[in-house]
N, C-alpha and C. Protein backbone atom coordinates (compact mmCIF):
# COMPACT_ATOMS: atom_id res chain seq x y z
N UNK A 1 -335.24 150.69 -16.74
CA UNK A 1 -334.68 149.65 -15.78
C UNK A 1 -334.69 149.79 -14.62
N UNK A 2 -334.73 149.46 -13.47
CA UNK A 2 -334.68 149.47 -12.14
C UNK A 2 -333.26 148.42 -11.93
N UNK A 3 -332.48 148.74 -11.17
CA UNK A 3 -331.22 147.82 -11.15
C UNK A 3 -331.08 147.77 -9.22
N UNK A 4 -330.12 147.13 -8.88
CA UNK A 4 -330.05 147.29 -7.27
C UNK A 4 -328.57 146.75 -7.24
N UNK A 5 -328.36 147.85 -5.97
CA UNK A 5 -327.01 147.46 -5.79
C UNK A 5 -325.74 147.92 -6.26
N UNK A 6 -324.92 146.87 -6.60
CA UNK A 6 -323.54 147.34 -7.23
C UNK A 6 -324.00 147.61 -8.77
N UNK A 7 -324.91 146.94 -9.57
CA UNK A 7 -325.29 147.15 -10.78
C UNK A 7 -325.77 148.18 -10.97
N UNK A 8 -326.57 148.64 -10.16
CA UNK A 8 -327.01 150.30 -10.26
C UNK A 8 -325.95 151.31 -10.23
N UNK A 9 -324.89 151.26 -9.04
CA UNK A 9 -323.98 151.97 -9.31
C UNK A 9 -322.84 152.28 -10.50
N UNK A 10 -322.56 150.55 -11.08
CA UNK A 10 -322.13 150.54 -12.60
C UNK A 10 -322.70 151.17 -13.50
N UNK A 11 -323.87 151.07 -13.60
CA UNK A 11 -325.05 151.32 -15.19
C UNK A 11 -324.73 153.21 -14.66
N UNK A 12 -324.83 154.17 -13.45
CA UNK A 12 -324.35 154.95 -13.57
C UNK A 12 -323.50 155.88 -13.73
N UNK A 13 -322.47 154.70 -13.50
CA UNK A 13 -320.93 155.23 -13.33
C UNK A 13 -320.68 155.31 -15.10
N UNK A 14 -321.26 154.24 -15.54
CA UNK A 14 -320.79 154.26 -16.79
C UNK A 14 -321.66 155.38 -18.03
N UNK A 15 -323.06 155.84 -17.62
CA UNK A 15 -323.63 156.69 -18.19
C UNK A 15 -322.87 157.93 -17.74
N UNK A 16 -322.31 158.11 -16.63
CA UNK A 16 -321.70 159.31 -16.57
C UNK A 16 -320.37 159.73 -17.44
N UNK A 17 -319.82 158.56 -17.50
CA UNK A 17 -318.53 158.66 -18.18
C UNK A 17 -318.91 158.75 -19.87
N UNK A 18 -319.82 158.15 -20.48
CA UNK A 18 -320.53 158.16 -21.62
C UNK A 18 -321.02 159.82 -21.99
N UNK A 19 -321.53 160.84 -20.74
CA UNK A 19 -321.96 162.22 -21.20
C UNK A 19 -320.67 162.56 -20.97
N UNK A 20 -319.56 162.28 -19.80
CA UNK A 20 -318.17 163.33 -20.21
C UNK A 20 -317.84 163.01 -21.25
N UNK A 21 -317.68 161.50 -21.87
CA UNK A 21 -316.82 161.99 -23.06
C UNK A 21 -317.38 162.67 -24.27
N UNK A 22 -318.71 162.47 -24.51
CA UNK A 22 -319.64 162.96 -25.67
C UNK A 22 -319.11 164.61 -25.36
N UNK A 23 -319.12 165.12 -23.98
CA UNK A 23 -319.13 166.65 -23.83
C UNK A 23 -317.91 167.06 -24.02
N UNK A 24 -316.62 166.16 -23.91
CA UNK A 24 -315.32 166.25 -24.32
C UNK A 24 -315.08 166.23 -26.25
N UNK A 25 -315.97 165.55 -26.49
CA UNK A 25 -315.56 165.53 -28.07
C UNK A 25 -316.55 166.98 -28.94
N UNK A 26 -317.10 167.69 -27.71
CA UNK A 26 -318.00 168.88 -28.51
C UNK A 26 -316.88 170.47 -27.52
N UNK A 27 -316.41 169.95 -26.57
CA UNK A 27 -316.13 171.43 -25.49
C UNK A 27 -314.58 171.56 -26.24
N UNK A 28 -313.63 170.54 -26.75
CA UNK A 28 -312.35 170.75 -27.05
C UNK A 28 -312.18 171.47 -28.34
N UNK A 29 -312.99 171.00 -29.53
CA UNK A 29 -313.10 171.49 -30.47
C UNK A 29 -313.46 173.03 -30.27
N UNK A 30 -314.39 172.85 -29.92
CA UNK A 30 -314.74 174.40 -29.74
C UNK A 30 -314.40 175.16 -28.61
N UNK A 31 -313.71 175.18 -27.73
CA UNK A 31 -312.52 175.91 -27.44
C UNK A 31 -311.34 176.20 -27.64
N UNK A 32 -310.79 175.22 -28.02
CA UNK A 32 -309.48 175.28 -28.99
C UNK A 32 -309.69 176.43 -30.58
N UNK A 33 -310.98 175.74 -31.10
CA UNK A 33 -311.42 176.89 -32.13
C UNK A 33 -311.82 178.21 -31.73
N UNK A 34 -312.09 178.62 -30.51
CA UNK A 34 -312.46 179.64 -29.96
C UNK A 34 -310.76 180.31 -30.00
N UNK A 35 -310.23 179.63 -29.54
CA UNK A 35 -308.80 180.43 -29.24
C UNK A 35 -308.24 180.76 -30.11
N UNK A 36 -308.46 179.83 -31.45
CA UNK A 36 -307.91 180.02 -32.83
C UNK A 36 -308.45 181.18 -33.16
N UNK A 37 -309.58 181.48 -33.34
CA UNK A 37 -310.85 182.83 -33.48
C UNK A 37 -310.00 183.79 -32.85
N UNK A 38 -309.51 183.84 -31.72
CA UNK A 38 -308.94 185.08 -30.78
C UNK A 38 -307.87 185.45 -31.67
N UNK A 39 -306.92 184.41 -31.69
CA UNK A 39 -305.51 184.77 -32.85
C UNK A 39 -305.98 185.03 -34.19
N UNK A 40 -306.60 184.43 -34.53
CA UNK A 40 -306.86 184.65 -36.14
C UNK A 40 -307.40 186.53 -36.02
N UNK A 41 -308.04 186.65 -34.99
CA UNK A 41 -308.70 188.33 -34.97
C UNK A 41 -307.28 189.23 -34.99
N UNK A 42 -306.53 189.08 -33.71
CA UNK A 42 -305.57 189.37 -33.51
C UNK A 42 -304.40 189.56 -34.71
N UNK A 43 -303.94 188.17 -35.09
CA UNK A 43 -303.19 188.47 -36.50
C UNK A 43 -303.42 188.63 -37.79
N UNK A 44 -304.83 188.68 -38.21
CA UNK A 44 -305.56 188.77 -39.55
C UNK A 44 -305.40 187.48 -39.94
N UNK A 45 -305.66 186.50 -40.00
CA UNK A 45 -304.80 185.28 -40.36
C UNK A 45 -306.16 184.73 -40.81
N UNK A 46 -307.53 184.92 -40.17
CA UNK A 46 -308.64 183.96 -40.63
C UNK A 46 -308.86 183.11 -41.52
N UNK A 47 -309.21 182.17 -41.62
CA UNK A 47 -309.72 181.16 -40.56
C UNK A 47 -308.51 180.28 -40.25
N UNK A 48 -307.27 180.36 -40.35
CA UNK A 48 -306.13 179.21 -40.03
C UNK A 48 -305.89 178.89 -39.15
N UNK A 49 -305.94 179.56 -37.96
CA UNK A 49 -305.48 179.14 -36.44
C UNK A 49 -307.06 178.35 -35.84
N UNK A 50 -308.23 179.19 -36.15
CA UNK A 50 -309.19 178.69 -35.69
C UNK A 50 -309.26 177.01 -36.42
N UNK A 51 -309.14 176.67 -37.64
CA UNK A 51 -309.62 175.55 -38.28
C UNK A 51 -308.63 174.53 -37.46
N UNK A 52 -307.19 175.20 -37.89
CA UNK A 52 -306.14 174.28 -36.81
C UNK A 52 -306.45 173.97 -35.45
N UNK A 53 -306.67 174.72 -34.78
CA UNK A 53 -306.67 174.68 -32.96
C UNK A 53 -308.08 173.73 -33.18
N UNK A 54 -309.10 173.89 -33.84
CA UNK A 54 -310.42 173.01 -33.77
C UNK A 54 -309.59 171.81 -34.11
N UNK A 55 -309.08 171.16 -35.27
CA UNK A 55 -308.87 170.09 -35.84
C UNK A 55 -307.97 169.38 -34.27
N UNK A 56 -306.94 170.16 -33.95
CA UNK A 56 -305.81 169.61 -32.57
C UNK A 56 -306.82 169.33 -31.46
N UNK A 57 -307.77 170.47 -31.02
CA UNK A 57 -308.76 169.70 -29.98
C UNK A 57 -309.43 168.60 -30.16
N UNK A 58 -310.33 168.35 -31.48
CA UNK A 58 -310.91 167.18 -32.03
C UNK A 58 -309.85 165.76 -31.79
N UNK A 59 -308.43 166.45 -32.15
CA UNK A 59 -307.71 164.75 -32.03
C UNK A 59 -307.26 164.64 -30.90
N UNK A 60 -307.06 165.65 -30.09
CA UNK A 60 -306.95 165.47 -28.61
C UNK A 60 -307.71 164.54 -28.20
N UNK A 61 -309.33 165.31 -28.28
CA UNK A 61 -310.11 164.15 -27.40
C UNK A 61 -310.07 162.87 -28.06
N UNK A 62 -310.03 162.75 -29.22
CA UNK A 62 -310.38 161.28 -29.77
C UNK A 62 -309.42 160.56 -29.52
N UNK A 63 -308.02 161.09 -29.10
CA UNK A 63 -306.70 159.93 -28.64
C UNK A 63 -306.61 159.70 -27.20
N UNK A 64 -307.57 160.78 -26.17
CA UNK A 64 -307.57 160.66 -24.85
C UNK A 64 -308.86 159.53 -24.96
N UNK A 65 -309.77 159.45 -25.63
CA UNK A 65 -310.79 158.62 -25.73
C UNK A 65 -310.21 157.10 -25.55
N UNK A 66 -309.45 157.30 -27.00
CA UNK A 66 -308.95 155.82 -27.39
C UNK A 66 -308.29 155.35 -26.26
N UNK A 67 -307.43 155.83 -25.48
CA UNK A 67 -306.53 155.29 -24.50
C UNK A 67 -307.08 154.90 -23.21
N UNK A 68 -307.94 155.75 -23.03
CA UNK A 68 -308.81 155.31 -21.85
C UNK A 68 -309.63 154.27 -22.44
N UNK A 69 -310.37 154.10 -23.30
CA UNK A 69 -311.14 152.69 -23.98
C UNK A 69 -310.32 151.68 -23.85
N UNK A 70 -308.84 151.86 -24.13
CA UNK A 70 -307.99 150.64 -24.10
C UNK A 70 -307.49 150.25 -22.84
N UNK A 71 -307.43 151.33 -21.75
CA UNK A 71 -307.13 151.02 -20.83
C UNK A 71 -308.25 150.14 -19.97
N UNK A 72 -309.39 150.84 -19.95
CA UNK A 72 -310.86 150.06 -19.56
C UNK A 72 -310.85 148.34 -19.96
N UNK A 73 -310.44 148.28 -21.31
CA UNK A 73 -310.40 147.01 -22.04
C UNK A 73 -309.82 146.25 -21.35
N UNK A 74 -308.35 146.62 -21.21
CA UNK A 74 -307.27 145.75 -20.29
C UNK A 74 -307.63 145.35 -18.96
N UNK A 75 -308.09 146.25 -18.61
CA UNK A 75 -308.69 146.42 -17.02
C UNK A 75 -309.97 145.26 -16.91
N UNK A 76 -311.21 145.48 -17.75
CA UNK A 76 -312.14 144.15 -17.88
C UNK A 76 -311.64 143.12 -18.48
N UNK A 77 -310.43 142.91 -18.93
CA UNK A 77 -309.99 141.36 -19.61
C UNK A 77 -308.69 140.99 -18.56
N UNK A 78 -308.96 141.58 -17.78
CA UNK A 78 -307.63 141.37 -16.92
C UNK A 78 -307.96 139.66 -16.20
N UNK A 79 -307.29 138.35 -16.32
CA UNK A 79 -307.39 137.25 -15.55
C UNK A 79 -308.48 136.68 -16.37
N UNK A 80 -308.99 137.10 -17.86
CA UNK A 80 -309.96 136.01 -18.52
C UNK A 80 -308.78 135.20 -19.21
N UNK A 81 -309.37 133.94 -19.51
CA UNK A 81 -308.68 133.09 -20.54
C UNK A 81 -307.96 133.20 -21.88
N UNK A 82 -308.78 134.25 -22.43
CA UNK A 82 -307.82 134.50 -23.76
C UNK A 82 -307.09 135.67 -23.72
N UNK A 83 -306.57 136.01 -22.31
CA UNK A 83 -305.53 136.56 -22.18
C UNK A 83 -304.45 135.97 -21.72
N UNK A 84 -304.42 134.93 -20.89
CA UNK A 84 -303.18 134.13 -20.52
C UNK A 84 -302.36 133.72 -21.75
N UNK A 85 -301.31 134.05 -21.36
CA UNK A 85 -300.18 133.88 -22.28
C UNK A 85 -300.11 132.07 -22.45
N UNK A 86 -299.46 131.56 -23.76
CA UNK A 86 -298.96 130.27 -23.89
C UNK A 86 -297.71 130.00 -23.62
N UNK A 87 -297.41 128.91 -23.01
CA UNK A 87 -295.94 128.21 -22.35
C UNK A 87 -295.65 127.46 -23.07
């Protein structure tokens, strides 16, 4: 698809955001899991910290993406008829 002007910029920005969010879901748990693995090797508690920190990394990425999505929806819905308060 070929878009022109501001629509082209918007599409590129949305694609970049999607790639960044996907990377966040991969990098955060892997990084935290790796740090947990290092702790497990140091303390001899394998795989306790690796699993726990991997889960924390995933939950952190999910919560971050949830709040980012809710902020985007709120911004996009600003001024729309269905968001106006009834008097």
